[in-house]
């Protein structure tokens, strides 16, 4: 396969959009963690699903750390591809672009795992609400 600037240019709009989406997800998660921390610290309020929620939140932050890291490496590899094309090193550009694609695939796979954990956390809340409804 021949590689040129248009191949690398295909990734330029996708990667920053994905990184923005990941950053928004991380911001939302950090706000949730701060809210839970404040409830515990200031109100001494411990939700029933506290232990499960902390475990899931910790896993989600770790997943997002790796998701954003792999996306950042994908972006760097894409920039490296453009540089190698500019320098006329086409075989090196192909290898670096393959690294870009692999990083993005790993990033997307890890993001899917983070979404799965997010869904699991929501189920903890729903089960807690369901048990509270039965107590009424």
Protein backbone atom coordinates (compact mmCIF):
# COMPACT_ATOMS: atom_id res chain seq x y z
CA UNK A 1 0.00 0.00 0.00
CA UNK A 2 1.27 3.42 -0.87
CA UNK A 3 0.98 5.98 1.83
CA UNK A 4 0.72 9.72 1.29
CA UNK A 5 -0.44 12.81 3.14
CA UNK A 6 -4.13 12.07 2.56
CA UNK A 7 -3.90 8.81 4.52
CA UNK A 8 -2.41 10.60 7.52
CA UNK A 9 -4.83 13.51 7.06
CA UNK A 10 -7.77 11.14 7.56
CA UNK A 11 -6.77 10.73 11.20
CA UNK A 12 -6.36 14.43 12.00
CA UNK A 13 -10.03 15.27 12.57
CA UNK A 14 -10.80 11.95 14.25
CA UNK A 15 -8.10 11.88 16.92
CA UNK A 16 -8.69 15.34 18.47
CA UNK A 17 -12.46 14.74 18.50
CA UNK A 18 -11.94 11.44 20.27
CA UNK A 19 -9.55 13.04 22.74
CA UNK A 20 -12.11 15.77 23.44
CA UNK A 21 -14.76 13.13 24.08
CA UNK A 22 -12.37 11.26 26.40
CA UNK A 23 -11.51 14.48 28.24
CA UNK A 24 -15.20 15.31 28.73
CA UNK A 25 -15.76 11.84 30.11
CA UNK A 26 -12.81 12.27 32.47
CA UNK A 27 -14.08 15.68 33.61
CA UNK A 28 -17.52 14.22 34.39
CA UNK A 29 -15.97 11.34 36.27
CA UNK A 30 -13.75 13.65 38.32
CA UNK A 31 -16.77 15.81 39.22
CA UNK A 32 -18.59 12.68 40.43
CA UNK A 33 -15.60 11.62 42.53
CA UNK A 34 -15.37 15.10 44.06
CA UNK A 35 -19.08 15.05 44.86
CA UNK A 36 -18.81 11.67 46.60
CA UNK A 37 -15.72 12.87 48.46
CA UNK A 38 -17.52 16.00 49.68
CA UNK A 39 -20.52 13.97 50.81
CA UNK A 40 -18.26 11.76 52.87
CA UNK A 41 -15.97 14.48 54.20
CA UNK A 42 -18.44 17.24 55.04
CA UNK A 43 -21.76 15.51 55.48
CA UNK A 44 -20.45 12.19 56.79
CA UNK A 45 -23.00 10.62 54.51
CA UNK A 46 -22.10 7.16 53.26
CA UNK A 47 -24.28 5.82 50.45
CA UNK A 48 -25.17 2.12 50.64
CA UNK A 49 -23.39 1.37 47.37
CA UNK A 50 -20.25 3.19 48.59
CA UNK A 51 -17.82 0.26 48.49
CA UNK A 52 -18.91 -0.98 45.06
CA UNK A 53 -18.94 2.55 43.67
CA UNK A 54 -15.40 3.30 44.87
CA UNK A 55 -14.08 0.14 43.30
CA UNK A 56 -15.74 0.91 39.95
CA UNK A 57 -14.69 4.58 40.00
CA UNK A 58 -11.07 3.60 40.61
CA UNK A 59 -11.14 1.18 37.68
CA UNK A 60 -12.79 3.76 35.43
CA UNK A 61 -10.18 6.41 36.17
CA UNK A 62 -7.44 3.91 35.37
CA UNK A 63 -9.10 2.94 32.10
CA UNK A 64 -9.52 6.58 31.11
CA UNK A 65 -5.88 7.26 31.90
CA UNK A 66 -4.82 4.56 29.44
CA UNK A 67 -7.49 5.52 26.91
CA UNK A 68 -6.21 9.10 26.76
CA UNK A 69 -2.59 7.95 26.77
CA UNK A 70 -3.05 5.65 23.79
CA UNK A 71 -5.00 8.34 21.93
CA UNK A 72 -2.17 10.81 22.60
CA UNK A 73 0.41 8.33 21.31
CA UNK A 74 -1.79 7.74 18.26
CA UNK A 75 -1.79 11.47 17.59
CA UNK A 76 2.00 11.66 18.03
CA UNK A 77 2.47 8.71 15.68
CA UNK A 78 0.23 10.40 13.14
CA UNK A 79 2.36 13.54 13.35
CA UNK A 80 5.44 11.33 12.99
CA UNK A 81 3.92 9.84 9.85
CA UNK A 82 3.54 13.30 8.33
CA UNK A 83 7.13 14.15 9.26
CA UNK A 84 8.48 10.95 7.70
CA UNK A 85 6.46 11.57 4.54
CA UNK A 86 7.88 15.09 4.38
CA UNK A 87 11.39 13.68 4.72
CA UNK A 88 10.69 11.08 2.03
CA UNK A 89 11.03 8.08 4.35
CA UNK A 90 8.00 6.18 3.08
CA UNK A 91 8.70 2.78 4.68
CA UNK A 92 9.23 4.42 8.08
CA UNK A 93 6.03 6.43 7.55
CA UNK A 94 4.12 3.19 6.95
CA UNK A 95 5.44 1.65 10.16
CA UNK A 96 4.70 4.74 12.22
CA UNK A 97 1.18 4.99 10.75
CA UNK A 98 0.63 1.34 11.68
CA UNK A 99 1.58 2.32 15.24
CA UNK A 100 -0.96 5.14 15.07
CA UNK A 101 -3.70 2.75 14.02
CA UNK A 102 -2.78 0.21 16.70
CA UNK A 103 -2.81 2.88 19.41
CA UNK A 104 -6.22 4.12 18.29
CA UNK A 105 -7.63 0.58 18.21
CA UNK A 106 -6.37 -0.05 21.76
CA UNK A 107 -7.76 3.32 22.87
CA UNK A 108 -11.21 2.53 21.48
CA UNK A 109 -11.20 -0.96 22.99
CA UNK A 110 -10.29 0.40 26.44
CA UNK A 111 -12.96 3.09 26.08
CA UNK A 112 -15.53 0.38 25.44
CA UNK A 113 -14.41 -1.29 28.69
CA UNK A 114 -14.79 2.00 30.54
CA UNK A 115 -18.32 2.36 29.19
CA UNK A 116 -19.07 -1.17 30.42
CA UNK A 117 -17.85 -0.20 33.90
CA UNK A 118 -19.93 2.97 33.78
CA UNK A 119 -22.99 0.88 33.03
CA UNK A 120 -22.11 -1.40 35.95
CA UNK A 121 -21.93 1.63 38.28
CA UNK A 122 -25.36 2.78 37.14
CA UNK A 123 -26.74 -0.67 37.91
CA UNK A 124 -25.46 -0.32 41.50
CA UNK A 125 -27.44 2.90 41.82
CA UNK A 126 -30.55 1.35 40.33
CA UNK A 127 -30.37 -1.65 42.65
CA UNK A 128 -29.96 0.70 45.62
CA UNK A 129 -33.01 2.71 44.54
CA UNK A 130 -34.96 -0.49 44.03
CA UNK A 131 -34.16 -1.66 47.58
CA UNK A 132 -35.15 1.76 48.97
CA UNK A 133 -38.48 1.52 47.14
CA UNK A 134 -39.17 -1.84 48.78
CA UNK A 135 -38.48 -0.37 52.22
CA UNK A 136 -41.22 2.26 51.77
